[in-house]
């Protein structure tokens, strides 16, 4: 694997998550008491758009990338249109327009996470799969950089003389700028996508994988013309289905984190302008975890590594229910990085091993659909409902019983751990991708 290829893929991951990291952690502040003053229920539904968009987007865009167009071109088009939609959203002020535009945006953005995984795995080739965590690490660094960039933009940039003409032109920073900035970066990123390794669709008619999950080596077959249907057929295998169901539960929990963490930090005394930077603690921890992923999987196996990640998140919610002292709440954010690295990244590696060569984009997008689709819909609506139920208004200020709110994701995490521990088996992961062009030297 050449250094140039690794740099290209790493920059791709950096920009992919930089876009998301600018607006998602700050959106709740823009929609709530610090901006548009929408209700908690409305905010919960708006956060669910990623889930609704993920239901439609991943399978359609995954099918386009697997069967019709080069993946990097699909990625570029999605980010260009998505950037325009983010900028438009910044100027909307009521529930339904925001909901509908972000719904369309999410249908474009959510599948791109699966597409970047697919481009990376195919470009690395079979002999370099262990390099994935170190490349995906740059996505985490992109998210961290976005948090600090936002903090700089909102706080320090206005005090620098060189930036005064810019703010004279666009106005002083407001929370809606998280959408405007993300939109501009998304459009720039769309141009970079066209410079990524060429990743064309894999021909449909091909020999079967060397060894299907539960199948027999050397069988010949004709691939399903629909990459979506071929991907869904993987669900007949118990371990794959178990991973998907457990990922859905953890996806609900992940949505709780994004919808509730910023308001929670404000309630325990963190400045509204600093919440994005504090939330990057989870991603900073994730950078360490990414380095440990190949070692941990090699020594503990897929199952124990993923259980470790989910268990760390359960501990995180136990601490959040306690709610004090402030320094412990801040430090506990780091546990988010362990769950994301050990659970979600290892799940992505498992899915790549399970999927044959012509459905890798669709298989990755199935995971996106489950985590950010079903998981985000249920998690966003449920988090909004719990916050509404366990909050009261006192002198125009919302007081939330965070112990009750965080108890919801804790219960779901424990359920996911129990199901995964009982039903998942490492030894069922036997699939090798079908032969396909080697892009490792691109």
Protein backbone atom coordinates (compact mmCIF):
# COMPACT_ATOMS: atom_id res chain seq x y z
CA UNK A 1 0.00 0.00 0.00
CA UNK A 2 1.51 3.29 -1.12
CA UNK A 3 1.80 6.31 1.17
CA UNK A 4 -0.06 8.46 -1.37
CA UNK A 5 -3.10 6.18 -1.24
CA UNK A 6 -3.15 6.20 2.56
CA UNK A 7 -2.97 10.00 2.62
CA UNK A 8 -5.82 10.31 0.11
CA UNK A 9 -8.04 8.01 2.14
CA UNK A 10 -7.11 9.67 5.42
CA UNK A 11 -7.98 13.15 4.11
CA UNK A 12 -11.28 11.73 2.84
CA UNK A 13 -12.14 10.45 6.33
CA UNK A 14 -11.05 13.74 7.93
CA UNK A 15 -13.33 15.84 5.73
CA UNK A 16 -16.21 13.35 5.92
CA UNK A 17 -16.50 13.70 9.67
CA UNK A 18 -15.39 17.34 9.86
CA UNK A 19 -18.61 18.25 8.03
CA UNK A 20 -20.76 16.30 10.49
CA UNK A 21 -18.75 17.39 13.53
CA UNK A 22 -19.39 21.10 12.92
CA UNK A 23 -23.17 21.08 12.97
CA UNK A 24 -24.44 17.99 14.81
CA UNK A 25 -23.10 18.71 18.35
CA UNK A 26 -24.27 22.35 18.15
CA UNK A 27 -27.65 21.90 16.43
CA UNK A 28 -29.57 21.37 19.69
CA UNK A 29 -28.37 24.76 20.93
CA UNK A 30 -29.47 26.45 17.69
CA UNK A 31 -32.91 24.86 17.89
CA UNK A 32 -33.43 25.33 21.64
CA UNK A 33 -33.36 28.15 24.17
CA UNK A 34 -30.20 29.69 22.68
CA UNK A 35 -31.68 30.04 19.20
CA UNK A 36 -35.07 29.23 17.70
CA UNK A 37 -36.66 28.19 21.04
CA UNK A 38 -38.41 25.13 19.62
CA UNK A 39 -39.96 22.63 22.05
CA UNK A 40 -38.07 19.56 23.25
CA UNK A 41 -40.48 17.36 21.28
CA UNK A 42 -39.80 19.34 18.10
CA UNK A 43 -36.04 19.14 18.67
CA UNK A 44 -36.33 15.39 19.20
CA UNK A 45 -38.18 14.97 15.91
CA UNK A 46 -35.66 17.13 14.05
CA UNK A 47 -32.83 14.97 15.37
CA UNK A 48 -34.71 11.94 14.03
CA UNK A 49 -34.36 13.14 10.42
CA UNK A 50 -31.01 11.40 10.15
CA UNK A 51 -32.83 8.19 10.88
CA UNK A 52 -35.68 8.80 8.45
CA UNK A 53 -33.21 9.84 5.78
CA UNK A 54 -31.13 6.75 6.47
CA UNK A 55 -34.08 4.49 5.76
CA UNK A 56 -34.34 5.69 2.17
CA UNK A 57 -30.84 6.89 1.33
CA UNK A 58 -28.42 4.05 2.10
CA UNK A 59 -30.08 1.38 -0.03
CA UNK A 60 -30.67 3.63 -3.03
CA UNK A 61 -27.22 5.20 -2.98
CA UNK A 62 -25.58 1.89 -2.08
CA UNK A 63 -27.29 0.29 -5.09
CA UNK A 64 -26.07 3.13 -7.34
CA UNK A 65 -22.47 2.66 -6.14
CA UNK A 66 -22.53 -1.15 -6.28
CA UNK A 67 -24.23 -1.49 -9.67
CA UNK A 68 -24.17 1.70 -11.78
CA UNK A 69 -21.69 4.48 -10.94
CA UNK A 70 -18.18 4.83 -9.54
CA UNK A 71 -18.39 5.24 -5.77
CA UNK A 72 -16.28 8.40 -5.65
CA UNK A 73 -18.67 10.14 -8.10
CA UNK A 74 -21.71 9.19 -6.03
CA UNK A 75 -19.88 10.52 -2.96
CA UNK A 76 -19.07 13.83 -4.68
CA UNK A 77 -22.63 14.43 -5.88
CA UNK A 78 -24.10 13.66 -2.47
CA UNK A 79 -21.82 16.14 -0.68
CA UNK A 80 -22.31 18.91 -3.23
CA UNK A 81 -26.11 18.85 -3.01
CA UNK A 82 -25.91 18.23 0.74
CA UNK A 83 -23.80 21.34 1.28
CA UNK A 84 -26.39 23.50 -0.44
CA UNK A 85 -29.14 22.02 1.74
CA UNK A 86 -27.20 22.70 4.96
CA UNK A 87 -26.76 26.36 4.02
CA UNK A 88 -30.47 26.60 3.23
CA UNK A 89 -31.37 25.08 6.62
CA UNK A 90 -29.44 27.84 8.42
CA UNK A 91 -32.01 30.38 7.20
CA UNK A 92 -35.11 28.40 8.17
CA UNK A 93 -36.87 29.23 11.43
CA UNK A 94 -39.83 26.87 11.89
CA UNK A 95 -40.21 23.16 12.53
CA UNK A 96 -41.57 21.70 9.30
CA UNK A 97 -39.19 23.41 6.81
CA UNK A 98 -36.19 22.47 8.98
CA UNK A 99 -37.44 18.90 9.35
CA UNK A 100 -38.06 18.40 5.62
CA UNK A 101 -34.79 19.93 4.37
CA UNK A 102 -32.68 18.05 6.92
CA UNK A 103 -34.60 14.89 5.99
CA UNK A 104 -33.45 15.24 2.39
CA UNK A 105 -29.93 16.15 3.51
CA UNK A 106 -29.72 13.09 5.73
CA UNK A 107 -30.83 10.83 2.88
CA UNK A 108 -27.74 12.10 1.04
CA UNK A 109 -25.20 12.30 3.89
CA UNK A 110 -25.85 9.13 5.88
CA UNK A 111 -25.03 6.77 2.99
CA UNK A 112 -21.74 8.59 2.39
CA UNK A 113 -20.34 7.12 5.62
CA UNK A 114 -20.83 3.66 4.18
CA UNK A 115 -19.39 4.77 0.84
CA UNK A 116 -16.18 6.05 2.46
CA UNK A 117 -15.80 2.71 4.24
CA UNK A 118 -16.38 0.87 0.96
CA UNK A 119 -13.83 2.99 -0.93
CA UNK A 120 -11.29 2.42 1.84
CA UNK A 121 -11.70 -1.36 2.08
CA UNK A 122 -11.62 -1.84 -1.69
CA UNK A 123 -8.65 0.48 -2.15
CA UNK A 124 -6.64 -1.27 0.56
CA UNK A 125 -7.11 -4.73 -0.92
CA UNK A 126 -7.38 -7.95 1.06
CA UNK A 127 -3.80 -7.88 2.27
CA UNK A 128 -4.09 -4.47 3.97
CA UNK A 129 -7.43 -4.66 5.82
CA UNK A 130 -5.75 -4.10 9.20
CA UNK A 131 -4.85 -0.58 8.04
CA UNK A 132 -8.53 0.45 8.14
CA UNK A 133 -8.59 1.59 11.81
CA UNK A 134 -5.57 3.87 11.30
CA UNK A 135 -7.26 5.47 8.28
CA UNK A 136 -10.67 5.70 9.97
CA UNK A 137 -8.86 7.39 12.85
CA UNK A 138 -8.59 10.50 10.65
CA UNK A 139 -12.38 10.71 10.63
CA UNK A 140 -12.23 10.98 14.40
CA UNK A 141 -9.54 13.64 14.12
CA UNK A 142 -11.78 15.50 11.67
CA UNK A 143 -14.61 15.49 14.23
CA UNK A 144 -12.23 16.75 16.94
CA UNK A 145 -10.90 19.48 14.64
CA UNK A 146 -14.47 20.55 13.86
CA UNK A 147 -15.24 20.98 17.55
CA UNK A 148 -12.20 23.14 18.18
CA UNK A 149 -12.75 25.03 14.93
CA UNK A 150 -16.30 25.88 16.03
CA UNK A 151 -15.08 27.04 19.44
CA UNK A 152 -12.45 29.23 17.79
CA UNK A 153 -14.94 30.62 15.28
CA UNK A 154 -17.58 31.40 17.88
CA UNK A 155 -15.19 32.81 20.47
CA UNK A 156 -11.74 33.95 19.40
CA UNK A 157 -12.10 34.69 15.68
CA UNK A 158 -14.20 37.82 16.24
CA UNK A 159 -11.37 39.35 18.25
CA UNK A 160 -8.78 38.99 15.47
CA UNK A 161 -8.47 42.06 13.26
CA UNK A 162 -7.82 40.01 10.12
CA UNK A 163 -11.27 38.40 10.40
CA UNK A 164 -13.22 41.61 11.00
CA UNK A 165 -14.03 42.16 7.28
CA UNK A 166 -15.47 38.64 7.15
CA UNK A 167 -17.76 39.18 10.13
CA UNK A 168 -18.75 42.61 8.82
CA UNK A 169 -19.96 40.83 5.70
CA UNK A 170 -21.70 37.80 7.23
CA UNK A 171 -22.61 39.14 10.67
CA UNK A 172 -21.44 38.15 14.13
CA UNK A 173 -21.41 34.41 14.91
CA UNK A 174 -24.67 32.75 15.91
CA UNK A 175 -25.48 29.09 16.53
CA UNK A 176 -27.02 28.81 13.06
CA UNK A 177 -23.53 29.24 11.64
CA UNK A 178 -22.85 25.61 12.46
CA UNK A 179 -25.04 24.81 9.44
CA UNK A 180 -23.56 27.48 7.18
CA UNK A 181 -19.97 26.47 7.90
CA UNK A 182 -20.71 22.76 7.47
CA UNK A 183 -22.41 23.49 4.14
CA UNK A 184 -19.39 25.36 2.76
CA UNK A 185 -16.99 22.59 3.86
CA UNK A 186 -19.29 19.95 2.31
CA UNK A 187 -19.19 21.70 -1.08
CA UNK A 188 -15.39 21.95 -0.96
CA UNK A 189 -15.18 18.28 0.05
CA UNK A 190 -17.32 17.28 -2.94
CA UNK A 191 -14.56 18.53 -5.24
CA UNK A 192 -11.95 16.51 -3.37
CA UNK A 193 -14.04 13.35 -3.75
CA UNK A 194 -13.38 13.39 -7.50
CA UNK A 195 -9.65 12.92 -6.78
CA UNK A 196 -10.17 9.73 -4.76
CA UNK A 197 -9.14 6.29 -6.10
CA UNK A 198 -11.42 5.21 -8.93
CA UNK A 199 -13.85 2.66 -7.46
CA UNK A 200 -16.13 1.33 -10.21
CA UNK A 201 -19.01 -1.13 -9.69
CA UNK A 202 -17.96 -4.77 -9.44
CA UNK A 203 -19.43 -6.98 -12.21
CA UNK A 204 -22.56 -8.84 -11.11
CA UNK A 205 -21.76 -12.23 -12.63
CA UNK A 206 -18.83 -13.76 -10.76
CA UNK A 207 -17.75 -16.87 -8.87
CA UNK A 208 -19.13 -17.25 -5.38
CA UNK A 209 -17.02 -16.18 -2.40
CA UNK A 210 -14.34 -18.73 -1.45
CA UNK A 211 -16.28 -19.57 1.68
CA UNK A 212 -19.74 -18.22 2.46
CA UNK A 213 -20.79 -17.76 6.07
CA UNK A 214 -22.00 -21.26 6.73
CA UNK A 215 -21.48 -22.17 3.06
CA UNK A 216 -19.06 -24.38 1.11
CA UNK A 217 -15.81 -23.39 -0.52
CA UNK A 218 -15.60 -23.26 -4.28
CA UNK A 219 -19.32 -23.14 -5.11
CA UNK A 220 -20.19 -21.17 -8.23
CA UNK A 221 -23.16 -18.82 -8.29
CA UNK A 222 -24.69 -15.84 -10.03
CA UNK A 223 -24.92 -12.70 -7.94
CA UNK A 224 -28.31 -11.23 -7.12
CA UNK A 225 -28.93 -8.29 -9.53
CA UNK A 226 -30.18 -6.27 -6.58
CA UNK A 227 -27.31 -5.49 -4.22
CA UNK A 228 -29.91 -4.65 -1.57
CA UNK A 229 -31.56 -8.09 -1.68
CA UNK A 230 -28.20 -9.83 -1.70
CA UNK A 231 -27.18 -7.82 1.37
CA UNK A 232 -30.40 -8.62 3.21
CA UNK A 233 -29.80 -12.33 2.62
CA UNK A 234 -26.89 -12.09 5.08
CA UNK A 235 -29.46 -11.67 7.85
CA UNK A 236 -30.28 -15.40 7.68
CA UNK A 237 -27.02 -16.02 9.53
CA UNK A 238 -27.45 -15.78 13.30
CA UNK A 239 -24.29 -13.86 14.16
CA UNK A 240 -24.85 -11.30 11.41
CA UNK A 241 -28.47 -10.81 12.46
CA UNK A 242 -27.42 -10.54 16.12
CA UNK A 243 -24.86 -7.87 15.30
CA UNK A 244 -27.43 -5.91 13.30
CA UNK A 245 -30.04 -6.04 16.08
CA UNK A 246 -27.52 -5.10 18.77
CA UNK A 247 -26.22 -2.26 16.58
CA UNK A 248 -29.79 -0.94 16.31
CA UNK A 249 -30.06 -0.76 20.10
CA UNK A 250 -26.66 0.92 20.42
CA UNK A 251 -27.72 3.28 17.61
CA UNK A 252 -30.65 4.40 19.78
CA UNK A 253 -28.19 5.08 22.58
CA UNK A 254 -25.87 7.01 20.22
CA UNK A 255 -28.79 9.25 19.26
CA UNK A 256 -29.47 9.94 22.95
CA UNK A 257 -25.88 11.10 23.29
CA UNK A 258 -26.03 13.59 20.42
CA UNK A 259 -29.47 14.95 21.34
CA UNK A 260 -28.87 15.28 25.10
CA UNK A 261 -25.17 15.72 25.83
CA UNK A 262 -24.86 19.43 24.95
CA UNK A 263 -27.90 20.49 27.05
CA UNK A 264 -26.68 18.21 29.88
CA UNK A 265 -23.26 19.89 29.88
CA UNK A 266 -24.89 23.33 29.96
CA UNK A 267 -27.02 22.25 32.94
CA UNK A 268 -23.95 21.15 34.93
CA UNK A 269 -22.26 24.50 34.37
CA UNK A 270 -20.38 24.31 31.04
CA UNK A 271 -20.63 27.41 28.83
CA UNK A 272 -22.85 27.04 25.75
CA UNK A 273 -19.97 28.11 23.52
CA UNK A 274 -17.66 25.45 25.00
CA UNK A 275 -19.87 22.35 24.76
CA UNK A 276 -18.65 21.38 21.28
CA UNK A 277 -15.02 21.45 22.43
CA UNK A 278 -15.81 19.42 25.57
CA UNK A 279 -17.66 16.81 23.51
CA UNK A 280 -14.50 16.21 21.48
CA UNK A 281 -13.07 14.47 24.55
CA UNK A 282 -14.92 11.37 23.35
CA UNK A 283 -13.27 11.61 19.95
CA UNK A 284 -9.83 12.25 21.49
CA UNK A 285 -10.24 9.00 23.43
CA UNK A 286 -11.38 7.37 20.20
CA UNK A 287 -8.04 8.18 18.57
CA UNK A 288 -6.32 6.05 21.20
CA UNK A 289 -8.89 3.28 20.84
CA UNK A 290 -8.44 3.17 17.04
CA UNK A 291 -4.78 2.31 17.51
CA UNK A 292 -5.78 -0.48 19.91
CA UNK A 293 -8.53 -1.99 17.71
CA UNK A 294 -6.35 -4.37 15.64
CA UNK A 295 -4.45 -5.50 18.75
CA UNK A 296 -7.61 -5.99 20.81
CA UNK A 297 -9.41 -7.92 18.06
CA UNK A 298 -6.36 -10.15 17.57
CA UNK A 299 -6.12 -10.96 21.29
CA UNK A 300 -9.77 -10.94 22.41
CA UNK A 301 -11.67 -11.60 19.19
CA UNK A 302 -14.54 -9.65 17.62
CA UNK A 303 -17.13 -10.60 20.24
CA UNK A 304 -15.18 -9.68 23.36
CA UNK A 305 -13.94 -6.44 21.80
CA UNK A 306 -17.46 -5.32 20.94
CA UNK A 307 -18.77 -6.31 24.37
CA UNK A 308 -15.99 -4.27 25.94
CA UNK A 309 -17.03 -1.23 23.91
CA UNK A 310 -20.72 -1.52 24.78
CA UNK A 311 -19.87 -2.14 28.45
CA UNK A 312 -17.85 1.09 28.57
CA UNK A 313 -20.91 2.98 27.37
CA UNK A 314 -23.08 1.40 30.05
CA UNK A 315 -20.59 2.72 32.60
CA UNK A 316 -20.80 6.14 30.96
CA UNK A 317 -24.55 6.34 31.49
CA UNK A 318 -24.30 5.15 35.09
CA UNK A 319 -21.94 8.06 35.77
CA UNK A 320 -24.22 10.49 33.92
CA UNK A 321 -27.15 9.42 36.09
CA UNK A 322 -25.09 10.39 39.14
CA UNK A 323 -24.55 13.79 37.50
CA UNK A 324 -21.74 15.09 39.67
CA UNK A 325 -19.06 16.25 40.26
CA UNK A 326 -18.58 18.31 37.10
CA UNK A 327 -15.02 17.09 36.48
CA UNK A 328 -16.16 13.46 36.52
CA UNK A 329 -18.94 14.20 34.03
CA UNK A 330 -16.39 15.80 31.71
CA UNK A 331 -13.88 12.96 32.06
CA UNK A 332 -16.59 10.33 31.50
CA UNK A 333 -17.17 11.70 27.99
CA UNK A 334 -14.00 9.77 27.07
CA UNK A 335 -15.94 6.51 27.45
CA UNK A 336 -17.87 7.43 24.31
CA UNK A 337 -14.65 6.91 22.35
CA UNK A 338 -14.26 3.36 23.64
CA UNK A 339 -17.74 2.36 22.58
CA UNK A 340 -17.43 3.92 19.15
CA UNK A 341 -14.04 2.38 18.43
CA UNK A 342 -14.51 -1.07 19.94
CA UNK A 343 -18.16 -1.51 18.92
CA UNK A 344 -18.92 0.42 15.73
CA UNK A 345 -15.54 0.25 13.97
CA UNK A 346 -15.16 -3.47 14.69
CA UNK A 347 -18.73 -3.95 13.40
CA UNK A 348 -17.73 -2.22 10.15
CA UNK A 349 -14.75 -4.57 9.80
CA UNK A 350 -17.00 -7.58 10.43
CA UNK A 351 -19.50 -6.44 7.78
CA UNK A 352 -16.74 -6.01 5.20
CA UNK A 353 -15.57 -9.58 5.86
CA UNK A 354 -19.11 -10.92 5.65
CA UNK A 355 -20.04 -9.21 2.36
CA UNK A 356 -19.05 -10.45 -1.08
CA UNK A 357 -17.15 -8.08 -3.35
CA UNK A 358 -20.10 -6.74 -5.34
CA UNK A 359 -22.22 -5.67 -2.33
CA UNK A 360 -19.69 -4.03 -0.03
CA UNK A 361 -21.20 -0.53 -0.34
CA UNK A 362 -24.71 -1.85 0.26
CA UNK A 363 -23.56 -3.98 3.20
CA UNK A 364 -21.85 -1.00 4.84
CA UNK A 365 -24.97 1.06 4.23
CA UNK A 366 -27.12 -1.62 5.86
CA UNK A 367 -25.15 -0.94 9.03
CA UNK A 368 -25.62 2.82 8.53
CA UNK A 369 -29.36 2.22 8.01
CA UNK A 370 -29.59 0.25 11.25
CA UNK A 371 -27.47 2.56 13.43
CA UNK A 372 -28.31 5.98 12.03
CA UNK A 373 -31.68 5.06 10.54
CA UNK A 374 -33.79 2.96 12.85
CA UNK A 375 -31.57 3.76 15.82
CA UNK A 376 -31.64 7.51 15.30
CA UNK A 377 -35.40 7.70 14.71
CA UNK A 378 -36.26 5.80 17.87
CA UNK A 379 -33.49 7.40 19.92
CA UNK A 380 -34.26 10.99 18.88
CA UNK A 381 -38.00 10.72 19.44
CA UNK A 382 -37.54 8.80 22.70
CA UNK A 383 -34.95 11.26 24.01
CA UNK A 384 -37.22 14.19 23.19
CA UNK A 385 -40.15 12.49 24.91
CA UNK A 386 -38.11 11.63 28.02
CA UNK A 387 -36.74 15.15 28.29
CA UNK A 388 -40.24 16.56 27.93
CA UNK A 389 -41.60 14.16 30.56
CA UNK A 390 -38.84 14.76 33.10
CA UNK A 391 -38.44 18.52 32.62
CA UNK A 392 -40.24 21.45 34.20
CA UNK A 393 -40.26 25.17 33.43
CA UNK A 394 -39.09 27.48 36.23
CA UNK A 395 -38.98 31.20 35.45
CA UNK A 396 -38.60 30.57 31.71
CA UNK A 397 -35.77 28.12 32.33
CA UNK A 398 -36.02 24.37 31.68
CA UNK A 399 -35.02 22.13 34.62
CA UNK A 400 -34.36 18.51 33.58
CA UNK A 401 -34.16 15.41 35.78
CA UNK A 402 -31.14 13.95 34.03
CA UNK A 403 -31.03 10.84 36.22
CA UNK A 404 -34.32 9.67 34.72
CA UNK A 405 -33.37 10.70 31.17
CA UNK A 406 -30.02 8.86 31.18
CA UNK A 407 -31.68 5.77 32.67
CA UNK A 408 -33.30 5.10 29.28
CA UNK A 409 -30.10 4.59 27.24
CA UNK A 410 -28.53 2.68 30.14
CA UNK A 411 -31.32 0.08 30.04
CA UNK A 412 -31.00 -0.28 26.25
CA UNK A 413 -27.22 -0.69 26.45
CA UNK A 414 -27.55 -3.47 29.03
CA UNK A 415 -30.13 -5.21 26.82
CA UNK A 416 -27.79 -4.99 23.79
CA UNK A 417 -24.90 -6.44 25.80
CA UNK A 418 -26.97 -9.40 26.99
CA UNK A 419 -28.32 -10.24 23.52
CA UNK A 420 -24.91 -9.94 21.88
CA UNK A 421 -23.19 -11.99 24.57
CA UNK A 422 -25.65 -14.88 24.25
CA UNK A 423 -26.19 -15.10 20.48
CA UNK A 424 -23.08 -13.85 18.66
CA UNK A 425 -20.29 -16.29 17.74
CA UNK A 426 -16.87 -15.28 16.38
CA UNK A 427 -16.36 -18.56 14.59
CA UNK A 428 -19.25 -17.93 12.20
CA UNK A 429 -17.30 -15.14 10.48
CA UNK A 430 -15.86 -17.14 7.60
CA UNK A 431 -16.68 -15.17 4.48
CA UNK A 432 -14.01 -13.93 2.12
CA UNK A 433 -14.94 -11.26 -0.47
CA UNK A 434 -15.22 -12.30 -4.08
CA UNK A 435 -12.31 -11.60 -6.37
CA UNK A 436 -12.27 -8.01 -7.54
CA UNK A 437 -9.75 -5.53 -8.98
CA UNK A 438 -6.89 -4.67 -6.64
CA UNK A 439 -6.86 -0.93 -5.94
CA UNK A 440 -4.08 -1.08 -3.32
CA UNK A 441 -1.53 0.34 -5.72
CA UNK A 442 -3.76 3.18 -6.94
